[in-house]
Amino acid sequence: MGDPQNHDDVIGFTLWGDPVYRVKRKRGRPPFEWTEENSFKVSMLLACGWSNDRIAGTILDPRTGLKISVPTLKRYFRSELAVRDQARDQLKARQLLTAAQAAFAGNVGAMRLLEQLVEKNDRMEAEREVKKATQAPAAADRLGKKALDKAKAADAERALLEQLTREADRSGRQ
């Protein structure tokens, strides 16, 4: 039997007495490594309304240089994907806060930008209120089928009575 140089790496011996060493690297593709840069990219693309497929196509694995799959995106960027619905609001809030800090520090350009952002936010809030007011009534306010049929019948009866009254008035004038 041969005397191996490093006994820690030897995990056994073959039938012929040759040492079997521990494999230093696992087989297959190395696992994806999360980076802050990729996290920022995912958050920005979510704020822009991109789908998971499109985002996965833009994220490259730093070790392999290949794009990642959607399951890999979901596995490593779970916390970013969890706030998908709030991503746009977080982006707008960050813009407002950054512009406000620069404006309060005396930057005139930032003051103008802050005013534009506030006006844009006010318009957006007004649009939300209008949209909310014009949406269909809530489920509790809607009539059921029977109540709706009764209302239609009452309207039809009222319309018929009005028509009969008009015809009677016309015949009485002649």
N, C-alpha and C. Protein backbone atom coordinates (compact mmCIF):
# COMPACT_ATOMS: atom_id res chain seq x y z
N MET A 1 0.84 -1.19 0.00
CA MET A 1 0.00 0.00 0.00
C MET A 1 0.87 1.24 0.00
N GLY A 2 0.44 2.24 -0.82
CA GLY A 2 1.20 3.48 -0.87
C GLY A 2 0.88 4.37 0.31
N ASP A 3 1.81 5.19 0.67
CA ASP A 3 1.61 6.10 1.79
C ASP A 3 1.18 7.46 1.24
N PRO A 4 -0.11 7.85 1.37
CA PRO A 4 -0.56 9.14 0.82
C PRO A 4 0.09 10.30 1.54
N GLN A 5 0.22 11.39 0.81
CA GLN A 5 0.88 12.56 1.38
C GLN A 5 -0.01 13.29 2.38
N ASN A 6 -1.31 13.41 2.09
CA ASN A 6 -2.22 14.11 2.99
C ASN A 6 -3.31 13.13 3.40
N HIS A 7 -3.29 12.72 4.63
CA HIS A 7 -4.22 11.70 5.11
C HIS A 7 -5.65 12.23 5.22
N ASP A 8 -5.86 13.54 5.33
CA ASP A 8 -7.21 14.11 5.47
C ASP A 8 -8.02 13.98 4.18
N ASP A 9 -7.37 14.02 3.03
CA ASP A 9 -8.07 13.94 1.75
C ASP A 9 -8.38 12.51 1.34
N VAL A 10 -7.78 11.53 1.99
CA VAL A 10 -8.00 10.13 1.64
C VAL A 10 -9.27 9.66 2.35
N ILE A 11 -10.23 9.15 1.54
CA ILE A 11 -11.48 8.67 2.13
C ILE A 11 -11.57 7.15 2.12
N GLY A 12 -10.60 6.50 1.52
CA GLY A 12 -10.59 5.04 1.49
C GLY A 12 -9.54 4.54 0.51
N PHE A 13 -9.57 3.20 0.31
CA PHE A 13 -8.61 2.58 -0.59
C PHE A 13 -9.35 1.66 -1.53
N THR A 14 -8.84 1.56 -2.75
CA THR A 14 -9.43 0.64 -3.71
C THR A 14 -9.07 -0.79 -3.33
N LEU A 15 -9.61 -1.72 -4.08
CA LEU A 15 -9.32 -3.12 -3.85
C LEU A 15 -7.83 -3.41 -3.98
N TRP A 16 -7.13 -2.63 -4.79
CA TRP A 16 -5.71 -2.85 -5.05
C TRP A 16 -4.84 -2.04 -4.12
N GLY A 17 -5.47 -1.30 -3.18
CA GLY A 17 -4.68 -0.57 -2.20
C GLY A 17 -4.35 0.85 -2.59
N ASP A 18 -4.87 1.31 -3.71
CA ASP A 18 -4.62 2.69 -4.11
C ASP A 18 -5.55 3.61 -3.32
N PRO A 19 -5.07 4.79 -2.91
CA PRO A 19 -5.91 5.70 -2.13
C PRO A 19 -7.01 6.34 -2.99
N VAL A 20 -8.17 6.57 -2.37
CA VAL A 20 -9.27 7.29 -3.02
C VAL A 20 -9.37 8.62 -2.30
N TYR A 21 -9.19 9.70 -3.05
CA TYR A 21 -9.17 11.04 -2.46
C TYR A 21 -10.55 11.69 -2.52
N ARG A 22 -10.79 12.55 -1.57
CA ARG A 22 -12.04 13.34 -1.53
C ARG A 22 -12.06 14.28 -2.73
N VAL A 23 -13.21 14.35 -3.39
CA VAL A 23 -13.35 15.22 -4.55
C VAL A 23 -13.47 16.66 -4.03
N LYS A 24 -12.63 17.51 -4.55
CA LYS A 24 -12.60 18.90 -4.08
C LYS A 24 -13.82 19.69 -4.55
N ARG A 25 -14.30 19.41 -5.74
CA ARG A 25 -15.41 20.15 -6.31
C ARG A 25 -16.55 19.19 -6.61
N LYS A 26 -17.76 19.63 -6.30
CA LYS A 26 -18.92 18.81 -6.60
C LYS A 26 -19.14 18.78 -8.10
N ARG A 27 -19.79 17.75 -8.55
CA ARG A 27 -20.07 17.61 -9.97
C ARG A 27 -21.24 18.50 -10.37
N GLY A 28 -21.34 18.74 -11.67
CA GLY A 28 -22.44 19.53 -12.19
C GLY A 28 -22.15 21.02 -12.17
N ARG A 29 -23.14 21.77 -12.57
CA ARG A 29 -23.01 23.22 -12.64
C ARG A 29 -22.91 23.79 -11.22
N PRO A 30 -22.02 24.74 -11.02
CA PRO A 30 -21.92 25.34 -9.68
C PRO A 30 -23.21 26.10 -9.35
N PRO A 31 -23.58 26.16 -8.07
CA PRO A 31 -24.82 26.85 -7.72
C PRO A 31 -24.75 28.35 -7.99
N PHE A 32 -25.91 28.92 -8.23
CA PHE A 32 -26.01 30.36 -8.49
C PHE A 32 -25.61 31.13 -7.24
N GLU A 33 -24.95 32.24 -7.42
CA GLU A 33 -24.57 33.09 -6.30
C GLU A 33 -25.33 34.40 -6.39
N TRP A 34 -26.07 34.73 -5.33
CA TRP A 34 -26.82 35.98 -5.23
C TRP A 34 -25.83 37.12 -5.11
N THR A 35 -26.06 38.20 -5.86
CA THR A 35 -25.23 39.40 -5.74
C THR A 35 -26.14 40.60 -5.51
N GLU A 36 -25.59 41.60 -4.89
CA GLU A 36 -26.35 42.82 -4.63
C GLU A 36 -26.73 43.52 -5.93
N GLU A 37 -25.85 43.46 -6.91
CA GLU A 37 -26.12 44.07 -8.21
C GLU A 37 -27.33 43.41 -8.87
N ASN A 38 -27.38 42.07 -8.85
CA ASN A 38 -28.52 41.37 -9.43
C ASN A 38 -29.80 41.63 -8.65
N SER A 39 -29.69 41.76 -7.34
CA SER A 39 -30.86 42.07 -6.51
C SER A 39 -31.43 43.44 -6.88
N PHE A 40 -30.54 44.41 -7.08
CA PHE A 40 -30.97 45.75 -7.47
C PHE A 40 -31.65 45.70 -8.84
N LYS A 41 -31.06 44.92 -9.77
CA LYS A 41 -31.63 44.81 -11.11
C LYS A 41 -33.03 44.20 -11.06
N VAL A 42 -33.20 43.13 -10.27
CA VAL A 42 -34.51 42.48 -10.14
C VAL A 42 -35.53 43.47 -9.58
N SER A 43 -35.15 44.21 -8.55
CA SER A 43 -36.07 45.17 -7.93
C SER A 43 -36.49 46.26 -8.91
N MET A 44 -35.55 46.77 -9.69
CA MET A 44 -35.86 47.81 -10.66
C MET A 44 -36.78 47.29 -11.77
N LEU A 45 -36.51 46.09 -12.25
CA LEU A 45 -37.33 45.54 -13.32
C LEU A 45 -38.73 45.20 -12.82
N LEU A 46 -38.85 44.79 -11.58
CA LEU A 46 -40.18 44.57 -10.99
C LEU A 46 -40.94 45.89 -10.91
N ALA A 47 -40.24 46.96 -10.55
CA ALA A 47 -40.88 48.27 -10.46
C ALA A 47 -41.37 48.73 -11.84
N CYS A 48 -40.71 48.27 -12.89
CA CYS A 48 -41.12 48.61 -14.25
C CYS A 48 -42.19 47.68 -14.79
N GLY A 49 -42.60 46.69 -13.99
CA GLY A 49 -43.70 45.81 -14.38
C GLY A 49 -43.30 44.62 -15.22
N TRP A 50 -42.04 44.24 -15.22
CA TRP A 50 -41.58 43.11 -16.03
C TRP A 50 -42.07 41.79 -15.45
N SER A 51 -42.25 40.79 -16.32
CA SER A 51 -42.65 39.45 -15.89
C SER A 51 -41.41 38.68 -15.41
N ASN A 52 -41.65 37.57 -14.71
CA ASN A 52 -40.55 36.75 -14.23
C ASN A 52 -39.70 36.20 -15.37
N ASP A 53 -40.33 35.83 -16.49
CA ASP A 53 -39.59 35.30 -17.64
C ASP A 53 -38.61 36.34 -18.19
N ARG A 54 -39.08 37.56 -18.34
CA ARG A 54 -38.21 38.62 -18.87
C ARG A 54 -37.08 38.94 -17.92
N ILE A 55 -37.38 38.97 -16.62
CA ILE A 55 -36.34 39.27 -15.63
C ILE A 55 -35.29 38.17 -15.64
N ALA A 56 -35.72 36.91 -15.62
CA ALA A 56 -34.77 35.79 -15.61
C ALA A 56 -33.85 35.84 -16.83
N GLY A 57 -34.35 36.32 -17.95
CA GLY A 57 -33.54 36.42 -19.15
C GLY A 57 -32.46 37.48 -19.09
N THR A 58 -32.59 38.43 -18.17
CA THR A 58 -31.59 39.50 -18.07
C THR A 58 -30.57 39.27 -16.96
N ILE A 59 -30.86 38.34 -16.05
CA ILE A 59 -29.95 38.08 -14.94
C ILE A 59 -28.94 37.01 -15.37
N LEU A 60 -27.66 37.31 -15.25
CA LEU A 60 -26.61 36.37 -15.63
C LEU A 60 -25.95 35.83 -14.36
N ASP A 61 -25.69 34.53 -14.37
CA ASP A 61 -24.97 33.90 -13.27
C ASP A 61 -23.52 34.36 -13.36
N PRO A 62 -22.99 34.97 -12.30
CA PRO A 62 -21.62 35.49 -12.37
C PRO A 62 -20.57 34.40 -12.58
N ARG A 63 -20.87 33.15 -12.18
CA ARG A 63 -19.88 32.08 -12.33
C ARG A 63 -19.88 31.49 -13.72
N THR A 64 -21.07 31.36 -14.32
CA THR A 64 -21.16 30.70 -15.63
C THR A 64 -21.36 31.66 -16.79
N GLY A 65 -21.89 32.84 -16.52
CA GLY A 65 -22.17 33.80 -17.58
C GLY A 65 -23.44 33.49 -18.33
N LEU A 66 -24.22 32.51 -17.87
CA LEU A 66 -25.46 32.13 -18.53
C LEU A 66 -26.64 32.77 -17.82
N LYS A 67 -27.75 32.96 -18.59
CA LYS A 67 -28.94 33.50 -17.96
C LYS A 67 -29.53 32.45 -17.02
N ILE A 68 -30.28 32.92 -16.02
CA ILE A 68 -30.83 32.00 -15.05
C ILE A 68 -32.24 31.59 -15.46
N SER A 69 -32.73 30.53 -14.86
CA SER A 69 -34.09 30.05 -15.14
C SER A 69 -35.06 30.73 -14.18
N VAL A 70 -36.35 30.63 -14.48
CA VAL A 70 -37.38 31.21 -13.62
C VAL A 70 -37.36 30.56 -12.23
N PRO A 71 -37.21 29.21 -12.12
CA PRO A 71 -37.12 28.64 -10.77
C PRO A 71 -35.93 29.17 -9.96
N THR A 72 -34.80 29.40 -10.64
CA THR A 72 -33.64 29.97 -9.94
C THR A 72 -33.95 31.39 -9.49
N LEU A 73 -34.63 32.16 -10.34
CA LEU A 73 -35.04 33.51 -9.97
C LEU A 73 -35.91 33.47 -8.72
N LYS A 74 -36.89 32.57 -8.72
CA LYS A 74 -37.82 32.48 -7.58
C LYS A 74 -37.10 32.02 -6.31
N ARG A 75 -36.09 31.16 -6.48
CA ARG A 75 -35.40 30.63 -5.31
C ARG A 75 -34.48 31.66 -4.67
N TYR A 76 -33.71 32.36 -5.46
CA TYR A 76 -32.69 33.26 -4.92
C TYR A 76 -33.17 34.70 -4.73
N PHE A 77 -34.27 35.09 -5.38
CA PHE A 77 -34.77 36.46 -5.27
C PHE A 77 -36.19 36.47 -4.71
N ARG A 78 -36.46 35.57 -3.79
CA ARG A 78 -37.80 35.43 -3.19
C ARG A 78 -38.24 36.72 -2.50
N SER A 79 -37.33 37.34 -1.74
CA SER A 79 -37.72 38.55 -1.00
C SER A 79 -38.02 39.71 -1.94
N GLU A 80 -37.31 39.81 -3.05
CA GLU A 80 -37.59 40.87 -4.01
C GLU A 80 -38.92 40.63 -4.71
N LEU A 81 -39.19 39.38 -5.09
CA LEU A 81 -40.43 39.04 -5.78
C LEU A 81 -41.65 39.16 -4.87
N ALA A 82 -41.43 39.03 -3.57
CA ALA A 82 -42.55 39.09 -2.61
C ALA A 82 -43.19 40.47 -2.56
N VAL A 83 -42.44 41.49 -2.90
CA VAL A 83 -42.97 42.87 -2.84
C VAL A 83 -43.23 43.42 -4.24
N ARG A 84 -43.57 42.55 -5.17
CA ARG A 84 -43.82 42.95 -6.55
C ARG A 84 -44.86 44.06 -6.64
N ASP A 85 -45.95 43.93 -5.89
CA ASP A 85 -47.05 44.91 -5.97
C ASP A 85 -46.65 46.28 -5.42
N GLN A 86 -45.70 46.31 -4.51
CA GLN A 86 -45.28 47.58 -3.92
C GLN A 86 -44.01 48.14 -4.56
N ALA A 87 -43.43 47.42 -5.52
CA ALA A 87 -42.14 47.84 -6.09
C ALA A 87 -42.23 49.22 -6.73
N ARG A 88 -43.29 49.49 -7.48
CA ARG A 88 -43.42 50.79 -8.16
C ARG A 88 -43.54 51.91 -7.12
N ASP A 89 -44.36 51.69 -6.09
CA ASP A 89 -44.50 52.70 -5.04
C ASP A 89 -43.19 52.93 -4.30
N GLN A 90 -42.42 51.86 -4.07
CA GLN A 90 -41.13 52.01 -3.40
C GLN A 90 -40.17 52.82 -4.26
N LEU A 91 -40.20 52.59 -5.57
CA LEU A 91 -39.34 53.35 -6.48
C LEU A 91 -39.71 54.84 -6.45
N LYS A 92 -41.00 55.13 -6.54
CA LYS A 92 -41.46 56.53 -6.52
C LYS A 92 -41.11 57.18 -5.19
N ALA A 93 -41.28 56.45 -4.09
CA ALA A 93 -40.95 57.00 -2.77
C ALA A 93 -39.46 57.31 -2.68
N ARG A 94 -38.65 56.43 -3.22
CA ARG A 94 -37.20 56.65 -3.18
C ARG A 94 -36.82 57.88 -3.99
N GLN A 95 -37.47 58.05 -5.16
CA GLN A 95 -37.21 59.23 -5.99
C GLN A 95 -37.59 60.50 -5.23
N LEU A 96 -38.77 60.50 -4.63
CA LEU A 96 -39.23 61.67 -3.89
C LEU A 96 -38.29 62.01 -2.73
N LEU A 97 -37.88 61.00 -1.98
CA LEU A 97 -37.00 61.24 -0.83
C LEU A 97 -35.63 61.76 -1.26
N THR A 98 -35.08 61.19 -2.32
CA THR A 98 -33.77 61.63 -2.81
C THR A 98 -33.84 63.07 -3.32
N ALA A 99 -34.90 63.39 -4.09
CA ALA A 99 -35.06 64.75 -4.60
C ALA A 99 -35.29 65.73 -3.44
N ALA A 100 -36.05 65.32 -2.45
CA ALA A 100 -36.32 66.20 -1.30
C ALA A 100 -35.04 66.48 -0.52
N GLN A 101 -34.22 65.47 -0.30
CA GLN A 101 -32.96 65.68 0.43
C GLN A 101 -32.06 66.65 -0.31
N ALA A 102 -31.97 66.48 -1.64
CA ALA A 102 -31.13 67.38 -2.43
C ALA A 102 -31.72 68.79 -2.45
N ALA A 103 -33.04 68.89 -2.53
CA ALA A 103 -33.70 70.19 -2.56
C ALA A 103 -33.51 70.92 -1.24
N PHE A 104 -33.65 70.20 -0.13
CA PHE A 104 -33.49 70.83 1.19
C PHE A 104 -32.04 71.22 1.46
N ALA A 105 -31.12 70.60 0.71
CA ALA A 105 -29.71 70.97 0.83
C ALA A 105 -29.39 72.21 0.00
N GLY A 106 -30.36 72.69 -0.79
CA GLY A 106 -30.17 73.92 -1.54
C GLY A 106 -29.97 73.74 -3.03
N ASN A 107 -30.11 72.57 -3.55
CA ASN A 107 -29.95 72.32 -4.98
C ASN A 107 -31.20 72.80 -5.72
N VAL A 108 -31.04 73.83 -6.54
CA VAL A 108 -32.17 74.44 -7.24
C VAL A 108 -32.79 73.48 -8.25
N GLY A 109 -31.98 72.74 -8.98
CA GLY A 109 -32.49 71.76 -9.93
C GLY A 109 -33.32 70.69 -9.23
N ALA A 110 -32.86 70.28 -8.06
CA ALA A 110 -33.60 69.28 -7.29
C ALA A 110 -34.92 69.86 -6.78
N MET A 111 -34.93 71.17 -6.51
CA MET A 111 -36.19 71.81 -6.08
C MET A 111 -37.23 71.74 -7.20
N ARG A 112 -36.79 72.02 -8.43
CA ARG A 112 -37.71 71.94 -9.57
C ARG A 112 -38.18 70.50 -9.78
N LEU A 113 -37.25 69.57 -9.71
CA LEU A 113 -37.59 68.17 -9.89
C LEU A 113 -38.57 67.71 -8.81
N LEU A 114 -38.33 68.13 -7.58
CA LEU A 114 -39.23 67.75 -6.48
C LEU A 114 -40.63 68.29 -6.73
N GLU A 115 -40.71 69.54 -7.20
CA GLU A 115 -42.02 70.13 -7.50
C GLU A 115 -42.73 69.33 -8.59
N GLN A 116 -41.99 68.93 -9.64
CA GLN A 116 -42.58 68.13 -10.72
C GLN A 116 -43.06 66.77 -10.20
N LEU A 117 -42.24 66.15 -9.34
CA LEU A 117 -42.61 64.84 -8.80
C LEU A 117 -43.85 64.94 -7.91
N VAL A 118 -43.94 66.00 -7.13
CA VAL A 118 -45.10 66.18 -6.27
C VAL A 118 -46.35 66.41 -7.10
N GLU A 119 -46.24 67.25 -8.15
CA GLU A 119 -47.39 67.49 -9.03
C GLU A 119 -47.83 66.21 -9.73
N LYS A 120 -46.85 65.43 -10.18
CA LYS A 120 -47.17 64.16 -10.84
C LYS A 120 -47.86 63.21 -9.86
N ASN A 121 -47.39 63.19 -8.63
CA ASN A 121 -48.01 62.36 -7.60
C ASN A 121 -49.44 62.82 -7.33
N ASP A 122 -49.66 64.14 -7.29
CA ASP A 122 -51.01 64.66 -7.06
C ASP A 122 -51.96 64.25 -8.19
N ARG A 123 -51.48 64.34 -9.44
CA ARG A 123 -52.30 63.91 -10.58
C ARG A 123 -52.63 62.42 -10.49
N MET A 124 -51.64 61.63 -10.11
CA MET A 124 -51.84 60.19 -10.00
C MET A 124 -52.88 59.88 -8.92
N GLU A 125 -52.81 60.56 -7.80
CA GLU A 125 -53.78 60.35 -6.72
C GLU A 125 -55.19 60.77 -7.16
N ALA A 126 -55.28 61.88 -7.91
CA ALA A 126 -56.58 62.33 -8.41
C ALA A 126 -57.16 61.29 -9.38
N GLU A 127 -56.30 60.74 -10.24
CA GLU A 127 -56.76 59.71 -11.17
C GLU A 127 -57.24 58.47 -10.42
N ARG A 128 -56.55 58.11 -9.36
CA ARG A 128 -56.98 56.96 -8.55
C ARG A 128 -58.35 57.21 -7.92
N GLU A 129 -58.58 58.42 -7.45
CA GLU A 129 -59.87 58.75 -6.84
C GLU A 129 -60.99 58.70 -7.88
N VAL A 130 -60.73 59.23 -9.08
CA VAL A 130 -61.74 59.20 -10.14
C VAL A 130 -62.03 57.76 -10.54
N LYS A 131 -60.99 56.97 -10.69
CA LYS A 131 -61.16 55.57 -11.06
C LYS A 131 -61.94 54.82 -9.99
N LYS A 132 -61.64 55.12 -8.76
CA LYS A 132 -62.33 54.47 -7.64
C LYS A 132 -63.81 54.85 -7.63
N ALA A 133 -64.12 56.10 -7.94
CA ALA A 133 -65.50 56.57 -7.92
C ALA A 133 -66.30 56.02 -9.09
N THR A 134 -65.64 55.77 -10.23
CA THR A 134 -66.36 55.31 -11.42
C THR A 134 -66.43 53.80 -11.54
N GLN A 135 -65.77 53.10 -10.65
CA GLN A 135 -65.81 51.63 -10.71
C GLN A 135 -67.20 51.13 -10.39
N ALA A 136 -67.46 49.89 -10.77
CA ALA A 136 -68.76 49.25 -10.53
C ALA A 136 -69.06 49.25 -9.03
N PRO A 137 -70.32 49.30 -8.67
CA PRO A 137 -70.65 49.30 -7.25
C PRO A 137 -70.18 48.02 -6.57
N ALA A 138 -70.01 48.12 -5.29
CA ALA A 138 -69.55 46.98 -4.52
C ALA A 138 -70.58 45.87 -4.57
N ALA A 139 -70.17 44.67 -4.25
CA ALA A 139 -71.05 43.51 -4.31
C ALA A 139 -72.26 43.69 -3.41
N ALA A 140 -72.10 44.36 -2.28
CA ALA A 140 -73.22 44.57 -1.36
C ALA A 140 -74.26 45.53 -1.95
N ASP A 141 -73.82 46.46 -2.83
CA ASP A 141 -74.73 47.44 -3.41
C ASP A 141 -75.47 46.90 -4.64
N ARG A 142 -75.00 45.83 -5.23
CA ARG A 142 -75.63 45.28 -6.42
C ARG A 142 -76.91 44.53 -6.06
N LEU A 143 -77.87 44.60 -6.98
CA LEU A 143 -79.14 43.91 -6.78
C LEU A 143 -79.01 42.46 -7.23
N GLY A 144 -79.75 41.59 -6.57
CA GLY A 144 -79.80 40.21 -6.98
C GLY A 144 -80.69 40.04 -8.20
N LYS A 145 -80.77 38.83 -8.73
CA LYS A 145 -81.53 38.57 -9.94
C LYS A 145 -83.02 38.88 -9.75
N LYS A 146 -83.59 38.44 -8.65
CA LYS A 146 -85.03 38.66 -8.42
C LYS A 146 -85.33 40.14 -8.24
N ALA A 147 -84.52 40.84 -7.47
CA ALA A 147 -84.74 42.27 -7.26
C ALA A 147 -84.57 43.04 -8.56
N LEU A 148 -83.60 42.62 -9.37
CA LEU A 148 -83.38 43.27 -10.66
C LEU A 148 -84.57 43.04 -11.60
N ASP A 149 -85.14 41.82 -11.60
CA ASP A 149 -86.32 41.52 -12.42
C ASP A 149 -87.52 42.36 -11.98
N LYS A 150 -87.69 42.52 -10.66
CA LYS A 150 -88.79 43.33 -10.14
C LYS A 150 -88.64 44.79 -10.57
N ALA A 151 -87.41 45.29 -10.50
CA ALA A 151 -87.16 46.68 -10.90
C ALA A 151 -87.43 46.87 -12.39
N LYS A 152 -87.02 45.91 -13.22
CA LYS A 152 -87.28 46.00 -14.66
C LYS A 152 -88.79 45.96 -14.94
N ALA A 153 -89.50 45.09 -14.21
CA ALA A 153 -90.96 44.99 -14.40
C ALA A 153 -91.63 46.30 -14.01
N ALA A 154 -91.20 46.92 -12.91
CA ALA A 154 -91.78 48.18 -12.48
C ALA A 154 -91.50 49.28 -13.50
N ASP A 155 -90.29 49.29 -14.05
CA ASP A 155 -89.95 50.28 -15.07
C ASP A 155 -90.80 50.07 -16.33
N ALA A 156 -90.98 48.82 -16.73
CA ALA A 156 -91.79 48.53 -17.91
C ALA A 156 -93.25 48.95 -17.69
N GLU A 157 -93.76 48.68 -16.49
CA GLU A 157 -95.15 49.05 -16.17
C GLU A 157 -95.30 50.57 -16.19
N ARG A 158 -94.33 51.28 -15.63
CA ARG A 158 -94.36 52.74 -15.59
C ARG A 158 -94.31 53.30 -17.02
N ALA A 159 -93.46 52.72 -17.86
CA ALA A 159 -93.35 53.18 -19.24
C ALA A 159 -94.65 52.93 -20.00
N LEU A 160 -95.28 51.79 -19.76
CA LEU A 160 -96.55 51.48 -20.41
C LEU A 160 -97.64 52.46 -19.98
N LEU A 161 -97.72 52.77 -18.68
CA LEU A 161 -98.71 53.73 -18.19
C LEU A 161 -98.49 55.12 -18.79
N GLU A 162 -97.24 55.53 -18.91
CA GLU A 162 -96.94 56.83 -19.51
C GLU A 162 -97.38 56.86 -20.97
N GLN A 163 -97.12 55.78 -21.70
CA GLN A 163 -97.50 55.71 -23.10
C GLN A 163 -99.03 55.74 -23.24
N LEU A 164 -99.74 55.01 -22.39
CA LEU A 164 -101.21 55.02 -22.43
C LEU A 164 -101.76 56.40 -22.10
N THR A 165 -101.15 57.07 -21.15
CA THR A 165 -101.58 58.42 -20.77
C THR A 165 -101.39 59.38 -21.95
N ARG A 166 -100.26 59.29 -22.63
CA ARG A 166 -100.01 60.17 -23.78
C ARG A 166 -101.02 59.91 -24.90
N GLU A 167 -101.29 58.64 -25.14
CA GLU A 167 -102.26 58.31 -26.20
C GLU A 167 -103.66 58.80 -25.83
N ALA A 168 -104.01 58.70 -24.54
CA ALA A 168 -105.32 59.18 -24.10
C ALA A 168 -105.40 60.69 -24.25
N ASP A 169 -104.32 61.40 -23.93
CA ASP A 169 -104.30 62.85 -24.07
C ASP A 169 -104.44 63.26 -25.53
N ARG A 170 -103.78 62.54 -26.43
CA ARG A 170 -103.86 62.83 -27.85
C ARG A 170 -105.27 62.58 -28.39
N SER A 171 -105.85 61.51 -27.97
CA SER A 171 -107.21 61.20 -28.45
C SER A 171 -108.23 62.17 -27.87
N GLY A 172 -107.99 62.69 -26.68
CA GLY A 172 -108.91 63.66 -26.07
C GLY A 172 -108.79 65.03 -26.75
N ARG A 173 -107.68 65.37 -27.31
CA ARG A 173 -107.48 66.65 -27.98
C ARG A 173 -108.10 66.64 -29.36
N GLN A 174 -108.22 65.51 -29.95
CA GLN A 174 -108.75 65.45 -31.32
C GLN A 174 -110.21 65.53 -31.37
